[in-house]
Amino acid sequence: MLSKTDSLEGDTETMKQTCLIAASVPGSPGVDGVFLRDMLDVPGITPVSLAAMQSNQKWLQTPLRHVDSTIAITPPNEWYTTERHNALTLPQRYCRHRFRFGKQLQQQLQHINTFIRQRDPEQLWVVLNSIGMIDLASMISDSFPGTLITQVWDDPIHLCKQRQIDRFNRSRTLSRFRQLLQRSSRIGVICEEAASSYEGQTNAAMHIVRHGLPGKSVGPRLESDHPGEFHIGFSGSLYAKDAWQSLHRALDSIDWQLAGRQVVLVVTGSQVQFRSKSTAKCLFYGWRNQDDLQRLLGSCDCLYLPQPFSAGQVELAKLSFPTKLSSYVATGRPVFVHSPQYSSVSRFCEEHSMGVVCQSLAPESVVSQLQSLACDSSYYRDQAESSARVANEVLSYDAFASGVRGMLGVSEVVS
């Protein structure tokens, strides 16, 4: 997707010499590491220099694909307080951010600027997925003469709320974010809602970059791998705790039984909390590589995609897009979307006629939607087919690769 006009430079046949600045290392565990690795693997993307805001050095001790030089920089501590906003804590929180956090930023800035001068890139590709990255990128862009590409993964208002940033420092970070948008030649965003939200603040081209998995065409998967059980799969980080707790309450209300089948929660990820007042059955597999993940998800009867309903996470629901949806639809299994009406994923499901969408936290609503999948084979088939269609036509690898190349100013690769 392009918004307004593309950059004045236009796409080139080959990628400009690029320095990537990110708070994650390509290939490290977690969605950020996987996303970065897969973007660098896209045909037409040439090796980059990497400045990683990363305290875990082990991910930089082995050669990285498509990276020709690296520097590891200890990130500033933006999780420095758990104190709530009020008049009593404001002075202390303000000073911690403005002075202690600010001093750390200045130290990191010196290291990154030295690295940039040594590598002399033609363009900077900055992934904005932390407060520190927004602040640093703003400082770096002031003196960088080349092309600036910003990729927005997390809305800055959400990040400021999450880190409990006081209103004065929040205002400064949001101002720096707007300056980055204005300075950028191209901007990568995760969904159409984010593009619409930011396009009024910039003349840069907006490119939708959503994850897609390489592989063969996806077909619907209809048969259950576990007779007598109904497996509900979940993968990744859990930030929609209200929806997750609602699911548990709903399953408790039916004693974890659907159409005479024992419900089993199958979870992969680093940290998930289970709660039940009934006879529950849960399988926790921790972090898994992509091949293992797809095998585990594909063995489930449906896949659970929660988004937050809370008023404090509105920006997250509206302006983010769950990367796990690409992995989900690639299994050909139905997706149970538990999300408020205003979320980007609810709009996506409506636009593409896919997903069993529940827009309520009420247990009876959750149970009703799950029973439709468990009891109606025709409905189940329709949902499996819609997942396969979206995997092949919308969240495909070709669409992902095209978005990455467009964002980085590379001409399309002709196969």
Protein backbone atom coordinates (compact mmCIF):
# COMPACT_ATOMS: atom_id res chain seq x y z
CA MET A 1 0.00 0.00 0.00
CA LEU A 2 1.27 3.47 -0.87
CA SER A 3 0.00 6.66 0.69
CA LYS A 4 0.33 10.01 -1.08
CA THR A 5 3.42 9.91 -3.27
CA ASP A 6 6.43 7.68 -3.00
CA SER A 7 9.81 9.09 -2.06
CA LEU A 8 11.55 11.40 -4.51
CA GLU A 9 14.35 8.90 -4.97
CA GLY A 10 11.94 6.18 -6.12
CA ASP A 11 12.72 2.48 -6.15
CA THR A 12 16.14 1.37 -7.31
CA GLU A 13 17.06 -1.93 -8.92
CA THR A 14 19.38 -2.73 -6.03
CA MET A 15 19.09 -1.73 -2.41
CA LYS A 16 21.08 1.24 -1.16
CA GLN A 17 23.79 0.63 1.41
CA THR A 18 21.75 0.44 4.60
CA CYS A 19 22.28 0.62 8.34
CA LEU A 20 19.54 -1.07 10.37
CA ILE A 21 18.98 0.24 13.90
CA ALA A 22 16.72 -1.96 16.01
CA ALA A 23 16.11 -3.05 19.57
CA SER A 24 16.23 -6.73 18.57
CA VAL A 25 18.66 -9.05 16.80
CA PRO A 26 17.51 -10.85 13.63
CA GLY A 27 16.85 -14.51 14.42
CA SER A 28 16.70 -14.13 18.20
CA PRO A 29 13.72 -15.72 20.01
CA GLY A 30 10.53 -13.71 19.95
CA VAL A 31 8.38 -12.19 17.26
CA ASP A 32 10.69 -9.17 16.75
CA GLY A 33 13.72 -11.36 16.04
CA VAL A 34 11.76 -13.59 13.65
CA PHE A 35 10.27 -10.61 11.83
CA LEU A 36 13.68 -8.95 11.34
CA ARG A 37 15.27 -12.19 10.15
CA ASP A 38 12.52 -12.84 7.63
CA MET A 39 12.64 -9.28 6.28
CA LEU A 40 16.38 -9.60 5.69
CA ASP A 41 15.78 -12.94 3.93
CA VAL A 42 13.47 -11.37 1.33
CA PRO A 43 14.89 -11.67 -2.22
CA GLY A 44 16.37 -8.37 -3.33
CA ILE A 45 17.36 -7.26 0.18
CA THR A 46 21.14 -6.92 0.40
CA PRO A 47 23.27 -7.24 3.57
CA VAL A 48 22.96 -4.41 6.09
CA SER A 49 25.02 -2.98 8.90
CA LEU A 50 23.29 -3.62 12.23
CA ALA A 51 23.29 -1.43 15.31
CA ALA A 52 21.39 -3.51 17.87
CA MET A 53 20.09 -2.03 21.10
CA GLN A 54 20.58 -5.35 22.80
CA SER A 55 21.94 -6.23 26.23
CA ASN A 56 22.03 -9.97 25.50
CA GLN A 57 25.36 -10.32 23.71
CA LYS A 58 25.02 -14.00 22.81
CA TRP A 59 22.76 -13.26 19.84
CA LEU A 60 25.57 -11.25 18.26
CA GLN A 61 28.34 -13.80 18.85
CA THR A 62 27.46 -15.94 15.83
CA PRO A 63 27.37 -14.76 12.21
CA LEU A 64 24.02 -13.30 11.21
CA ARG A 65 22.54 -13.86 7.77
CA HIS A 66 22.52 -10.77 5.56
CA VAL A 67 24.43 -8.67 8.12
CA ASP A 68 27.93 -7.49 7.19
CA SER A 69 28.85 -5.66 10.41
CA THR A 70 27.36 -5.25 13.87
CA ILE A 71 27.58 -3.22 17.01
CA ALA A 72 25.80 -4.08 20.25
CA ILE A 73 24.66 -1.17 22.39
CA THR A 74 23.23 -1.57 25.88
CA PRO A 75 19.70 -0.15 25.72
CA PRO A 76 18.62 2.60 28.10
CA ASN A 77 16.33 1.46 30.89
CA GLU A 78 12.87 2.68 29.93
CA TRP A 79 11.15 0.34 32.41
CA TYR A 80 12.49 2.37 35.32
CA THR A 81 9.27 2.81 37.28
CA THR A 82 6.08 0.99 38.20
CA GLU A 83 4.64 4.02 39.97
CA ARG A 84 1.23 5.19 38.82
CA HIS A 85 0.63 8.70 37.54
CA ASN A 86 -0.24 11.09 40.35
CA ALA A 87 0.90 14.44 41.71
CA LEU A 88 3.10 12.88 44.40
CA THR A 89 5.13 10.65 42.09
CA LEU A 90 5.34 13.08 39.15
CA PRO A 91 8.55 14.94 40.17
CA GLN A 92 10.48 11.73 40.79
CA ARG A 93 9.28 10.04 37.61
CA TYR A 94 10.00 13.17 35.57
CA CYS A 95 13.57 13.46 36.88
CA ARG A 96 14.31 9.78 36.39
CA HIS A 97 13.32 10.00 32.74
CA ARG A 98 14.72 13.40 31.87
CA PHE A 99 18.09 12.98 33.58
CA ARG A 100 18.99 9.32 34.24
CA PHE A 101 17.30 7.96 31.11
CA GLY A 102 18.45 11.00 29.12
CA LYS A 103 22.08 10.47 30.16
CA GLN A 104 21.91 6.85 28.99
CA LEU A 105 20.50 8.01 25.65
CA GLN A 106 23.38 10.40 25.11
CA GLN A 107 25.89 7.61 25.76
CA GLN A 108 24.18 5.30 23.26
CA LEU A 109 23.95 8.13 20.73
CA GLN A 110 27.73 8.56 20.70
CA HIS A 111 28.28 4.85 19.98
CA ILE A 112 25.70 4.74 17.18
CA ASN A 113 26.93 7.93 15.51
CA THR A 114 30.49 6.58 15.51
CA PHE A 115 29.27 3.33 13.92
CA ILE A 116 27.30 5.24 11.28
CA ARG A 117 30.33 7.39 10.38
CA GLN A 118 32.46 4.25 10.01
CA ARG A 119 29.93 2.44 7.81
CA ASP A 120 28.85 5.55 5.85
CA PRO A 121 25.43 4.15 4.78
CA GLU A 122 23.22 5.77 2.16
CA GLN A 123 20.08 5.13 4.18
CA LEU A 124 19.04 4.40 7.75
CA TRP A 125 16.33 1.85 8.49
CA VAL A 126 15.06 2.41 12.03
CA VAL A 127 12.56 0.10 13.75
CA LEU A 128 10.52 2.09 16.26
CA ASN A 129 9.46 -0.47 18.84
CA SER A 130 10.57 1.21 22.06
CA ILE A 131 10.72 4.64 23.68
CA GLY A 132 14.50 4.58 23.46
CA MET A 133 14.42 3.85 19.73
CA ILE A 134 12.09 6.80 19.08
CA ASP A 135 14.24 9.21 21.10
CA LEU A 136 17.53 7.95 19.65
CA ALA A 137 16.27 7.90 16.07
CA SER A 138 15.15 11.50 16.41
CA MET A 139 18.61 12.54 17.63
CA ILE A 140 20.40 10.53 14.93
CA SER A 141 18.24 11.87 12.11
CA ASP A 142 19.20 15.46 12.97
CA SER A 143 22.71 14.95 11.59
CA PHE A 144 22.21 12.13 9.07
CA PRO A 145 22.20 13.46 5.47
CA GLY A 146 20.87 10.36 3.71
CA THR A 147 17.51 8.63 3.33
CA LEU A 148 15.58 7.83 6.51
CA ILE A 149 13.20 4.86 6.62
CA THR A 150 11.13 4.36 9.76
CA GLN A 151 9.21 1.21 10.56
CA VAL A 152 6.54 1.58 13.23
CA TRP A 153 5.66 -1.61 15.10
CA ASP A 154 4.14 -0.14 18.25
CA ASP A 155 2.20 3.09 18.57
CA PRO A 156 4.14 5.58 20.74
CA ILE A 157 1.12 6.45 22.91
CA HIS A 158 0.78 2.78 23.81
CA LEU A 159 4.51 2.55 24.58
CA CYS A 160 4.37 5.62 26.83
CA LYS A 161 1.38 4.23 28.73
CA GLN A 162 3.04 0.85 29.08
CA ARG A 163 6.24 2.38 30.51
CA GLN A 164 4.37 4.80 32.83
CA ILE A 165 6.05 7.83 31.23
CA ASP A 166 4.98 11.13 32.81
CA ARG A 167 2.99 13.56 30.67
CA PHE A 168 5.86 16.01 30.09
CA ASN A 169 8.33 13.43 28.83
CA ARG A 170 5.51 11.71 26.94
CA SER A 171 4.83 14.97 25.12
CA ARG A 172 8.51 15.22 24.14
CA THR A 173 8.63 11.64 22.85
CA LEU A 174 5.45 12.10 20.81
CA SER A 175 6.88 15.31 19.35
CA ARG A 176 10.04 13.43 18.36
CA PHE A 177 7.91 10.72 16.78
CA ARG A 178 6.09 13.29 14.65
CA GLN A 179 9.42 14.81 13.61
CA LEU A 180 10.63 11.38 12.51
CA LEU A 181 7.53 10.87 10.39
CA GLN A 182 8.09 14.26 8.76
CA ARG A 183 11.78 13.53 8.15
CA SER A 184 11.20 10.03 6.69
CA SER A 185 11.23 9.21 2.99
CA ARG A 186 9.33 5.95 3.47
CA ILE A 187 7.43 4.51 6.42
CA GLY A 188 6.58 0.89 7.15
CA VAL A 189 3.47 0.15 9.22
CA ILE A 190 1.73 -3.04 10.28
CA CYS A 191 -1.85 -2.27 9.25
CA GLU A 192 -4.12 0.11 7.35
CA GLU A 193 -5.34 1.75 10.55
CA ALA A 194 -1.78 2.78 11.44
CA ALA A 195 -1.24 4.16 7.94
CA SER A 196 -4.42 6.24 8.21
CA SER A 197 -3.44 7.49 11.67
CA TYR A 198 0.04 8.67 10.64
CA GLU A 199 -0.37 9.78 7.03
CA GLY A 200 -1.62 13.24 8.01
CA GLN A 201 1.72 13.91 9.73
CA THR A 202 4.02 13.17 6.78
CA ASN A 203 4.47 13.30 3.02
CA ALA A 204 6.27 9.96 3.05
CA ALA A 205 4.93 6.86 1.33
CA MET A 206 3.26 4.36 3.66
CA HIS A 207 4.00 0.67 3.10
CA ILE A 208 2.05 -2.11 4.81
CA VAL A 209 4.54 -4.75 6.00
CA ARG A 210 2.72 -7.74 7.49
CA HIS A 211 4.41 -11.05 8.08
CA GLY A 212 3.88 -13.90 5.64
CA LEU A 213 5.30 -17.42 5.66
CA PRO A 214 7.08 -18.95 2.67
CA GLY A 215 5.88 -22.32 1.45
CA LYS A 216 3.35 -24.11 -0.69
CA SER A 217 -0.24 -23.09 -1.23
CA VAL A 218 -2.36 -23.57 1.91
CA GLY A 219 -5.45 -25.76 1.89
CA PRO A 220 -8.19 -26.11 4.53
CA ARG A 221 -7.50 -28.66 7.23
CA LEU A 222 -10.68 -30.33 8.44
CA GLU A 223 -9.92 -33.55 10.30
CA SER A 224 -9.27 -33.53 14.04
CA ASP A 225 -5.94 -34.99 15.15
CA HIS A 226 -7.30 -35.74 18.63
CA PRO A 227 -10.59 -37.70 18.67
CA GLY A 228 -12.56 -37.00 21.82
CA GLU A 229 -10.77 -33.70 22.41
CA PHE A 230 -11.10 -30.16 21.04
CA HIS A 231 -7.71 -28.44 20.95
CA ILE A 232 -7.55 -24.63 21.05
CA GLY A 233 -4.10 -23.31 20.12
CA PHE A 234 -2.42 -20.08 21.17
CA SER A 235 1.03 -18.79 20.28
CA GLY A 236 3.21 -15.82 21.22
CA SER A 237 3.10 -13.07 23.81
CA LEU A 238 -0.02 -12.57 25.88
CA TYR A 239 -0.91 -8.88 26.18
CA ALA A 240 -4.72 -9.26 26.08
CA LYS A 241 -5.12 -10.54 29.61
CA ASP A 242 -8.78 -9.53 29.86
CA ALA A 243 -9.69 -11.63 26.82
CA TRP A 244 -7.55 -14.54 28.03
CA GLN A 245 -9.25 -14.54 31.43
CA SER A 246 -12.64 -14.35 29.71
CA LEU A 247 -11.78 -17.49 27.74
CA HIS A 248 -10.92 -19.33 30.96
CA ARG A 249 -14.17 -18.24 32.61
CA ALA A 250 -16.10 -19.39 29.56
CA LEU A 251 -14.45 -22.81 29.58
CA ASP A 252 -15.03 -23.14 33.33
CA SER A 253 -18.73 -22.47 32.75
CA ILE A 254 -18.98 -25.58 30.54
CA ASP A 255 -16.54 -27.68 32.60
CA TRP A 256 -14.10 -27.59 29.66
CA GLN A 257 -16.41 -29.69 27.48
CA LEU A 258 -17.58 -28.85 23.94
CA ALA A 259 -20.01 -31.19 22.18
CA GLY A 260 -18.90 -34.01 24.48
CA ARG A 261 -15.21 -33.37 23.79
CA GLN A 262 -12.58 -32.38 26.38
CA VAL A 263 -11.24 -28.89 25.64
CA VAL A 264 -7.44 -28.68 25.67
CA LEU A 265 -5.49 -25.40 25.56
CA VAL A 266 -2.27 -25.80 23.57
CA VAL A 267 0.13 -22.90 24.18
CA THR A 268 3.54 -21.91 22.85
CA GLY A 269 5.36 -18.82 24.09
CA SER A 270 7.65 -17.63 26.83
CA GLN A 271 5.22 -16.84 29.65
CA VAL A 272 1.52 -17.59 30.02
CA GLN A 273 -0.63 -17.86 33.14
CA PHE A 274 -3.44 -20.40 33.39
CA ARG A 275 -6.41 -20.04 35.73
CA SER A 276 -9.29 -22.45 36.19
CA LYS A 277 -11.87 -23.45 38.77
CA SER A 278 -12.79 -26.56 36.83
CA THR A 279 -11.18 -29.71 35.43
CA ALA A 280 -8.85 -28.07 32.94
CA LYS A 281 -6.30 -29.53 30.56
CA CYS A 282 -3.48 -27.35 29.22
CA LEU A 283 -0.34 -28.16 27.26
CA PHE A 284 2.50 -25.62 27.45
CA TYR A 285 5.39 -25.99 24.99
CA GLY A 286 7.42 -22.83 25.62
CA TRP A 287 9.29 -21.18 22.77
CA ARG A 288 9.41 -23.19 19.51
CA ASN A 289 11.02 -22.59 16.14
CA GLN A 290 8.77 -21.86 13.17
CA ASP A 291 8.61 -25.43 11.88
CA ASP A 292 7.71 -26.86 15.30
CA LEU A 293 5.26 -24.04 15.85
CA GLN A 294 3.39 -24.69 12.60
CA ARG A 295 3.23 -28.40 13.37
CA LEU A 296 1.78 -27.80 16.83
CA LEU A 297 -0.70 -25.17 15.64
CA GLY A 298 -1.78 -27.31 12.71
CA SER A 299 -2.68 -30.17 15.05
CA CYS A 300 -5.19 -27.95 16.89
CA ASP A 301 -8.87 -27.73 15.98
CA CYS A 302 -8.94 -23.92 16.11
CA LEU A 303 -6.52 -21.14 16.97
CA TYR A 304 -7.20 -18.41 19.52
CA LEU A 305 -6.37 -14.78 18.71
CA PRO A 306 -7.12 -12.39 21.61
CA GLN A 307 -6.85 -8.60 21.54
CA PRO A 308 -7.18 -6.28 24.56
CA PHE A 309 -10.56 -4.77 25.46
CA SER A 310 -9.33 -2.44 28.22
CA ALA A 311 -9.59 1.33 27.78
CA GLY A 312 -5.89 1.68 28.60
CA GLN A 313 -4.91 -0.43 25.58
CA VAL A 314 -7.09 1.14 22.89
CA GLU A 315 -4.09 2.24 20.79
CA LEU A 316 -2.65 -1.27 20.90
CA ALA A 317 -5.89 -2.81 19.64
CA LYS A 318 -6.49 -0.13 17.00
CA LEU A 319 -3.02 0.47 15.57
CA SER A 320 -1.24 -2.88 15.90
CA PHE A 321 -1.75 -6.11 14.01
CA PRO A 322 -0.99 -9.55 15.49
CA THR A 323 1.85 -11.18 13.58
CA LYS A 324 0.64 -14.55 14.83
CA LEU A 325 -2.35 -14.35 12.48
CA SER A 326 -0.06 -15.16 9.54
CA SER A 327 1.09 -18.32 11.31
CA TYR A 328 -2.48 -19.19 12.23
CA VAL A 329 -4.01 -18.98 8.76
CA ALA A 330 -1.03 -20.84 7.26
CA THR A 331 -2.28 -23.96 9.08
CA GLY A 332 -5.62 -23.95 7.25
CA ARG A 333 -7.41 -24.16 10.60
CA PRO A 334 -10.26 -21.85 11.74
CA VAL A 335 -9.25 -18.80 13.77
CA PHE A 336 -11.26 -17.73 16.83
CA VAL A 337 -10.77 -13.96 17.08
CA HIS A 338 -11.58 -12.48 20.50
CA SER A 339 -11.34 -8.77 19.95
CA PRO A 340 -13.22 -5.47 20.41
CA GLN A 341 -15.15 -4.07 17.46
CA TYR A 342 -12.75 -1.13 16.98
CA SER A 343 -9.60 -3.25 16.68
CA SER A 344 -7.63 -3.53 13.46
CA VAL A 345 -7.97 -7.31 13.43
CA SER A 346 -11.78 -7.14 13.73
CA ARG A 347 -11.87 -4.81 10.75
CA PHE A 348 -9.51 -7.12 8.85
CA CYS A 349 -11.71 -10.16 9.51
CA GLU A 350 -14.80 -8.29 8.37
CA GLU A 351 -13.10 -7.05 5.20
CA HIS A 352 -11.81 -10.49 4.25
CA SER A 353 -14.78 -12.54 5.52
CA MET A 354 -12.70 -14.74 7.78
CA GLY A 355 -12.54 -15.80 11.39
CA VAL A 356 -15.01 -16.63 14.14
CA VAL A 357 -15.16 -13.18 15.73
CA CYS A 358 -16.31 -12.64 19.32
CA GLN A 359 -16.48 -8.97 20.34
CA SER A 360 -17.54 -9.54 23.94
CA LEU A 361 -15.91 -10.64 27.20
CA ALA A 362 -19.13 -12.31 28.35
CA PRO A 363 -18.51 -16.06 28.87
CA GLU A 364 -21.80 -17.00 27.20
CA SER A 365 -20.76 -15.19 24.00
CA VAL A 366 -17.42 -17.00 23.94
CA VAL A 367 -19.09 -20.37 24.51
CA SER A 368 -21.66 -19.74 21.78
CA GLN A 369 -18.96 -19.03 19.17
CA LEU A 370 -16.87 -22.04 20.16
CA GLN A 371 -19.89 -24.33 20.08
CA SER A 372 -20.59 -23.25 16.51
CA LEU A 373 -17.15 -24.49 15.51
CA ALA A 374 -17.33 -27.70 17.53
CA CYS A 375 -20.87 -28.70 16.55
CA ASP A 376 -21.40 -27.52 12.96
CA SER A 377 -19.13 -29.31 10.47
CA SER A 378 -20.30 -27.12 7.57
CA TYR A 379 -19.47 -23.95 9.51
CA TYR A 380 -16.11 -25.43 10.48
CA ARG A 381 -15.34 -26.15 6.82
CA ASP A 382 -16.26 -22.60 5.80
CA GLN A 383 -13.94 -21.15 8.43
CA ALA A 384 -11.05 -23.45 7.51
CA GLU A 385 -11.47 -22.49 3.86
CA SER A 386 -11.48 -18.78 4.73
CA SER A 387 -8.21 -19.20 6.66
CA ALA A 388 -6.59 -20.91 3.68
CA ARG A 389 -7.86 -18.23 1.29
CA VAL A 390 -6.45 -15.40 3.43
CA ALA A 391 -3.13 -17.24 3.77
CA ASN A 392 -2.84 -17.58 0.00
CA GLU A 393 -4.21 -14.21 -1.10
CA VAL A 394 -3.69 -11.65 1.69
CA LEU A 395 -1.15 -12.73 4.33
CA SER A 396 1.04 -14.45 1.75
CA TYR A 397 4.81 -14.43 1.54
CA ASP A 398 4.64 -12.57 -1.77
CA ALA A 399 2.65 -9.74 -0.16
CA PHE A 400 5.10 -9.62 2.75
CA ALA A 401 8.15 -9.56 0.46
CA SER A 402 6.61 -6.86 -1.73
CA GLY A 403 5.94 -4.69 1.33
CA VAL A 404 9.52 -5.07 2.57
CA ARG A 405 11.01 -4.20 -0.81
CA GLY A 406 8.71 -1.20 -1.22
CA MET A 407 9.64 0.12 2.22
CA LEU A 408 13.37 -0.25 1.52
CA GLY A 409 13.15 1.26 -1.98
CA VAL A 410 13.99 -1.88 -3.95
CA SER A 411 12.37 -2.75 -7.28
CA GLU A 412 10.18 -5.83 -7.39
CA VAL A 413 12.00 -9.08 -8.11
CA VAL A 414 10.79 -10.76 -11.29
CA SER A 415 10.82 -14.55 -10.95
